[in-house]
Structures are given as structure tokens and as C-alpha cells.
Amino acid sequence: MEPNKETYENKGIVKVYKNALYLDRAELVLLCKLDDKLKSMRMLDIGVGGGRTTCFFASRVASYTGIDYSESMIKACKERFPKEKFLICDVRNMDVFDDNSFDLVLFSFNGLDYLPHEDRLKALKEIKRVCRQEGIFFFSSHNLKHIDEAFRFKWSISLILTLSNIRKYILLRMKNNKKRLMNMKYAIVIDGTHNFKIATHYILADEQVNQLSDLGFKNIKIFSSIHGLEMENNFYNTKEPWLYYLCTK
């Protein structure tokens, strides 16, 4: 089993995800932006985890399907939302769905970033295939410009937290070459997620825009992970930890 996937089968991690019940600010903006359009939309919620986004979207759309490659996560979703449709499915191969099946595809919580680069491109192609013409794709992704901030040591008045930060600071530098990362357009980073068990894909905003454009996505917009609003001209140098991307097929 892939190391990242194995982590998402862990009972303790599944329990944390199962208890999550919130939307990020950018997701709330999406919800408001689509408003009454949702009631006629067929939605695919990819990397649904423990169902964090389900209760906010499922009741508002014409049809809802949540997928995850973790069997344990899907089991948790079915227990939490027994009336909704959930499938064990890997975004890299969604043959279970026909072309042009969905009006809205959501891949939240940076789920796309837990795939290797080539698999990530494969996933984006599959998402484009199942999305109908003019359908909406909305996802978040880690921002490579954040690396400098992520690798900075953080002091705390709490001795325990300071010791924890020292450990993280040392491990970040042991497991990553910061100088090399600062000169790349995208990179796989061991950033401390789930106690350094997860490899995470980071990408520059302009590189992600170019990637989406090359794959045939249109009307690409970027939203802040901090305040949730659209970033029109200032996203290239932002050091926010991750960004949200909205585009159409």
C-alpha cells in the first residue's frame, strides 16, 4: 500500500476526520457563489475523508456522490451519512463514472497534493473527463512560496510547544533540502503532516495555473485560504500555506 494511503486508513486519523464539521472560508464563498444553481447540479466530492463537506453540499445539490481511496474513510462516511452515496474510488482511475457526469467537482483539503506529480496530472485529466462541459472544478493545493515560512523556527512561551517546534525544525531540515525547494516550480515535501508520515505536493500558483490551462481547463481563478476571497493580481508572490483554484471545463 502507498505510504500516504496507509496513513489515511489509520483508525485514529479516520476518527479525527469523521468528527470534522466545517467549511473553509473559500468553500463558504463557493457555496454562496453558486447559491440557487446548486439545486440543479450533479456533484462529485473527491477525497471526501470523513464527510467534512457532505452535510453542507449533499442536501443542496440535485445528486451527490462522495469518493475516497481509503476504505476506512468511506466506511466512516456511510456510518455518518447513511442516506448519501459514497464509493471507494481512486481519483486516478474513475472508470466507474461516464464522461461528462458531473456539474460540480470538489477536491478539498488539499487532497490532490497527496499524490506524486505524475499521478496528480493523471488525476486532473480524469477529473476533466468526468466533468461536463462548462462544469465547475474547485480544489485547494499547497503553495510552494510558503516554504520559507514553513521552515522558520517558531518560539513559544510554552516550553512544551517550544520543544515540539525544535523537533519539527530539525526534522524539516533533515528530510528536505530547503535551498533546492526554493528554486523549484513544484516539489514533494515532507512537511510534518501526520507526524512526518505524509509526502505532500507543493506548487507555485503560476505553475498550477499553467498546468490547468495546458490540460484544457478555462476561466481559472484563485482564492485565498485565509480570507476566502478571489485574488486577482497578487497571487504570484503570496506566501499563504495553500490556495484555492476555481476553473471550468
Protein backbone atom coordinates (compact mmCIF):
# COMPACT_ATOMS: atom_id res chain seq x y z
CA MET A 1 0.00 0.00 0.00
CA GLU A 2 1.19 3.56 -0.71
CA PRO A 3 2.51 5.26 2.47
CA ASN A 4 0.06 8.18 2.17
CA LYS A 5 -2.89 5.86 1.62
CA GLU A 6 -1.82 3.69 4.56
CA THR A 7 -1.90 6.77 6.78
CA TYR A 8 -5.47 7.54 5.73
CA GLU A 9 -6.54 4.02 6.69
CA ASN A 10 -5.30 4.59 10.27
CA LYS A 11 -8.18 4.36 12.76
CA GLY A 12 -7.02 7.33 14.82
CA ILE A 13 -6.74 9.60 11.78
CA VAL A 14 -10.09 8.40 10.41
CA LYS A 15 -11.69 9.30 13.76
CA VAL A 16 -10.32 12.85 13.54
CA TYR A 17 -11.66 13.27 10.00
CA LYS A 18 -15.00 11.74 10.93
CA ASN A 19 -15.52 14.40 13.60
CA ALA A 20 -14.72 17.33 11.29
CA LEU A 21 -17.68 19.60 10.58
CA TYR A 22 -16.79 22.92 8.95
CA LEU A 23 -16.08 24.66 5.66
CA ASP A 24 -13.01 26.75 4.94
CA ARG A 25 -13.71 30.37 4.03
CA ALA A 26 -13.08 29.77 0.33
CA GLU A 27 -15.50 26.83 0.41
CA LEU A 28 -18.12 29.08 2.00
CA VAL A 29 -17.53 31.61 -0.77
CA LEU A 30 -18.11 28.84 -3.32
CA LEU A 31 -21.32 27.81 -1.57
CA CYS A 32 -22.62 31.39 -1.70
CA LYS A 33 -21.33 31.97 -5.23
CA LEU A 34 -23.28 29.02 -6.63
CA ASP A 35 -26.34 29.71 -4.48
CA ASP A 36 -29.51 28.51 -6.26
CA LYS A 37 -27.51 26.84 -9.06
CA LEU A 38 -26.61 24.00 -6.69
CA LYS A 39 -30.12 22.54 -6.74
CA SER A 40 -29.70 21.52 -10.40
CA MET A 41 -26.11 20.27 -10.09
CA ARG A 42 -24.73 16.75 -10.00
CA MET A 43 -21.83 16.86 -7.57
CA LEU A 44 -18.73 14.70 -7.10
CA ASP A 45 -16.91 15.20 -3.77
CA ILE A 46 -13.42 13.72 -4.19
CA GLY A 47 -11.24 12.78 -1.23
CA VAL A 48 -14.32 13.12 0.93
CA GLY A 49 -12.46 11.84 4.00
CA GLY A 50 -14.82 11.53 6.96
CA GLY A 51 -17.54 13.61 5.31
CA ARG A 52 -16.46 17.10 6.40
CA THR A 53 -18.12 18.78 3.38
CA THR A 54 -21.02 16.35 2.94
CA CYS A 55 -23.61 17.95 5.19
CA PHE A 56 -23.02 21.37 3.61
CA PHE A 57 -23.39 20.26 -0.02
CA ALA A 58 -25.36 16.99 -0.20
CA SER A 59 -28.71 18.50 0.77
CA ARG A 60 -28.27 21.41 -1.65
CA VAL A 61 -27.43 19.60 -4.90
CA ALA A 62 -29.55 17.52 -7.28
CA SER A 63 -27.35 14.46 -6.71
CA TYR A 64 -24.31 13.89 -4.51
CA THR A 65 -21.54 11.28 -4.70
CA GLY A 66 -18.57 11.20 -2.34
CA ILE A 67 -15.45 9.16 -3.14
CA ASP A 68 -12.19 8.34 -1.39
CA TYR A 69 -9.47 5.77 -1.97
CA SER A 70 -9.46 4.95 1.74
CA GLU A 71 -11.89 2.15 2.58
CA SER A 72 -11.86 3.23 6.23
CA MET A 73 -12.83 6.81 5.33
CA ILE A 74 -15.73 5.64 3.16
CA LYS A 75 -16.92 3.35 5.95
CA ALA A 76 -16.89 6.35 8.31
CA CYS A 77 -18.89 8.42 5.80
CA LYS A 78 -21.53 5.72 5.41
CA GLU A 79 -21.92 5.50 9.17
CA ARG A 80 -22.19 9.26 9.47
CA PHE A 81 -24.46 9.86 6.44
CA PRO A 82 -26.31 6.58 5.73
CA LYS A 83 -28.65 8.17 3.16
CA GLU A 84 -25.89 9.59 0.93
CA LYS A 85 -23.91 7.84 -1.82
CA PHE A 86 -20.26 7.02 -1.13
CA LEU A 87 -17.86 4.88 -3.15
CA ILE A 88 -14.33 3.57 -2.67
CA CYS A 89 -12.69 5.06 -5.74
CA ASP A 90 -9.23 6.33 -6.69
CA VAL A 91 -9.28 9.69 -8.49
CA ARG A 92 -6.53 8.45 -10.82
CA ASN A 93 -8.94 5.91 -12.29
CA MET A 94 -12.62 6.80 -12.16
CA ASP A 95 -13.85 4.36 -14.79
CA VAL A 96 -16.93 3.83 -12.63
CA PHE A 97 -18.15 7.22 -13.95
CA ASP A 98 -19.04 8.08 -17.54
CA ASP A 99 -17.63 11.11 -19.34
CA ASN A 100 -19.38 14.40 -18.55
CA SER A 101 -21.10 13.01 -15.45
CA PHE A 102 -20.86 15.95 -13.04
CA ASP A 103 -21.67 19.66 -12.97
CA LEU A 104 -19.57 20.34 -9.87
CA VAL A 105 -16.39 18.54 -8.79
CA LEU A 106 -14.87 19.38 -5.40
CA PHE A 107 -11.46 18.13 -4.25
CA SER A 108 -10.95 19.89 -0.93
CA PHE A 109 -8.50 19.81 1.97
CA ASN A 110 -5.52 19.70 -0.44
CA GLY A 111 -6.37 16.08 -1.25
CA LEU A 112 -4.81 16.34 -4.69
CA ASP A 113 -1.43 17.05 -3.08
CA TYR A 114 -1.06 13.60 -1.55
CA LEU A 115 -0.36 12.09 -4.95
CA PRO A 116 3.03 12.02 -6.74
CA HIS A 117 3.41 14.61 -9.52
CA GLU A 118 2.65 12.33 -12.48
CA ASP A 119 -0.31 10.76 -10.67
CA ARG A 120 -1.54 14.23 -9.84
CA LEU A 121 -1.63 15.08 -13.56
CA LYS A 122 -3.41 11.80 -14.24
CA ALA A 123 -6.00 12.71 -11.60
CA LEU A 124 -6.58 16.14 -13.14
CA LYS A 125 -7.17 14.54 -16.54
CA GLU A 126 -9.69 12.14 -15.02
CA ILE A 127 -11.45 15.00 -13.27
CA LYS A 128 -11.70 16.89 -16.56
CA ARG A 129 -13.14 13.77 -18.22
CA VAL A 130 -15.95 13.27 -15.69
CA CYS A 131 -16.76 16.97 -15.50
CA ARG A 132 -19.40 18.11 -18.01
CA GLN A 133 -18.74 20.93 -20.49
CA GLU A 134 -18.75 24.24 -18.58
CA GLY A 135 -18.82 22.22 -15.36
CA ILE A 136 -17.01 23.60 -12.31
CA PHE A 137 -13.90 22.17 -10.67
CA PHE A 138 -12.84 23.59 -7.27
CA PHE A 139 -9.81 22.40 -5.28
CA SER A 140 -7.06 23.53 -2.92
CA SER A 141 -3.31 22.99 -3.19
CA HIS A 142 -0.22 23.75 -1.11
CA ASN A 143 1.68 26.87 -2.11
CA LEU A 144 5.41 26.39 -2.70
CA LYS A 145 6.01 30.07 -1.87
CA HIS A 146 5.09 29.17 1.72
CA ILE A 147 8.20 27.02 2.16
CA ASP A 148 10.30 29.81 3.64
CA GLU A 149 7.66 30.49 6.29
CA ALA A 150 7.00 26.79 6.92
CA PHE A 151 10.69 26.15 7.63
CA ARG A 152 11.07 29.10 10.02
CA PHE A 153 11.57 28.28 13.69
CA LYS A 154 8.72 29.47 15.94
CA TRP A 155 9.31 30.37 19.58
CA SER A 156 6.58 29.98 22.19
CA ILE A 157 6.08 30.98 25.82
CA SER A 158 5.17 27.33 26.38
CA LEU A 159 8.25 25.16 26.99
CA ILE A 160 6.46 22.06 25.69
CA LEU A 161 5.43 23.82 22.47
CA THR A 162 8.93 25.25 22.02
CA LEU A 163 10.46 21.77 22.37
CA SER A 164 7.91 20.45 19.86
CA ASN A 165 8.86 23.27 17.47
CA ILE A 166 12.56 22.47 17.88
CA ARG A 167 11.86 18.84 16.94
CA LYS A 168 9.85 19.91 13.91
CA TYR A 169 12.51 22.43 12.85
CA ILE A 170 15.23 19.76 12.96
CA LEU A 171 13.17 17.11 11.17
CA LEU A 172 12.11 19.51 8.42
CA ARG A 173 15.75 20.15 7.58
CA MET A 174 16.75 16.52 7.87
CA LYS A 175 14.02 15.36 5.49
CA ASN A 176 14.09 18.23 2.98
CA ASN A 177 16.61 20.34 1.07
CA LYS A 178 15.18 23.82 1.61
CA LYS A 179 17.55 25.55 -0.83
CA ARG A 180 16.56 23.16 -3.61
CA LEU A 181 12.86 23.55 -2.83
CA MET A 182 13.10 27.35 -3.06
CA ASN A 183 14.25 27.07 -6.69
CA MET A 184 11.60 24.66 -7.97
CA LYS A 185 8.19 25.14 -9.62
CA TYR A 186 6.73 22.17 -7.75
CA ALA A 187 8.13 19.69 -5.25
CA ILE A 188 7.33 16.83 -2.91
CA VAL A 189 7.82 17.98 0.68
CA ILE A 190 7.86 16.09 3.99
CA ASP A 191 6.28 18.95 5.91
CA GLY A 192 5.32 17.33 9.21
CA THR A 193 1.75 16.39 8.30
CA HIS A 194 0.54 13.50 10.47
CA ASN A 195 3.86 13.38 12.32
CA PHE A 196 6.00 13.38 9.15
CA LYS A 197 4.26 10.30 7.73
CA ILE A 198 2.88 12.11 4.66
CA ALA A 199 4.61 13.30 1.48
CA THR A 200 2.95 16.47 0.19
CA HIS A 201 3.00 18.09 -3.25
CA TYR A 202 3.64 21.86 -3.23
CA ILE A 203 3.36 24.03 -6.34
CA LEU A 204 3.77 27.69 -7.33
CA ALA A 205 0.49 29.44 -8.11
CA ASP A 206 1.50 30.45 -11.64
CA GLU A 207 2.72 26.91 -12.36
CA GLN A 208 -0.62 25.49 -11.19
CA VAL A 209 -2.49 27.94 -13.43
CA ASN A 210 -0.32 26.95 -16.41
CA GLN A 211 -0.83 23.27 -15.63
CA LEU A 212 -4.61 23.64 -15.56
CA SER A 213 -4.57 25.68 -18.75
CA ASP A 214 -2.41 23.09 -20.54
CA LEU A 215 -4.90 20.38 -19.54
CA GLY A 216 -7.75 22.37 -21.09
CA PHE A 217 -9.38 23.95 -18.04
CA LYS A 218 -10.69 27.50 -18.53
CA ASN A 219 -11.72 30.58 -16.55
CA ILE A 220 -9.14 29.86 -13.84
CA LYS A 221 -9.48 31.90 -10.65
CA ILE A 222 -7.56 31.78 -7.38
CA PHE A 223 -8.98 32.28 -3.90
CA SER A 224 -7.22 32.98 -0.61
CA SER A 225 -7.11 30.26 2.04
CA ILE A 226 -7.02 32.97 4.72
CA HIS A 227 -9.92 35.29 3.86
CA GLY A 228 -11.57 33.19 1.14
CA LEU A 229 -11.81 35.98 -1.42
CA GLU A 230 -10.63 35.93 -5.02
CA MET A 231 -7.02 37.01 -5.59
CA GLU A 232 -6.84 38.79 -8.94
CA ASN A 233 -3.32 40.12 -9.40
CA ASN A 234 -1.41 39.44 -6.19
CA PHE A 235 -1.36 35.66 -6.01
CA TYR A 236 2.04 35.08 -7.66
CA ASN A 237 4.03 36.13 -4.62
CA THR A 238 1.60 35.28 -1.83
CA LYS A 239 3.05 33.11 0.92
CA GLU A 240 -0.26 31.69 2.13
CA PRO A 241 0.08 27.99 3.05
CA TRP A 242 -2.35 26.89 0.35
CA LEU A 243 -4.61 28.39 -2.29
CA TYR A 244 -7.98 27.51 -3.80
CA TYR A 245 -8.47 27.16 -7.55
CA LEU A 246 -11.76 27.51 -9.40
CA CYS A 247 -11.98 26.59 -13.08
CA THR A 248 -14.34 25.21 -15.71
CA LYS A 249 -14.01 22.53 -18.34
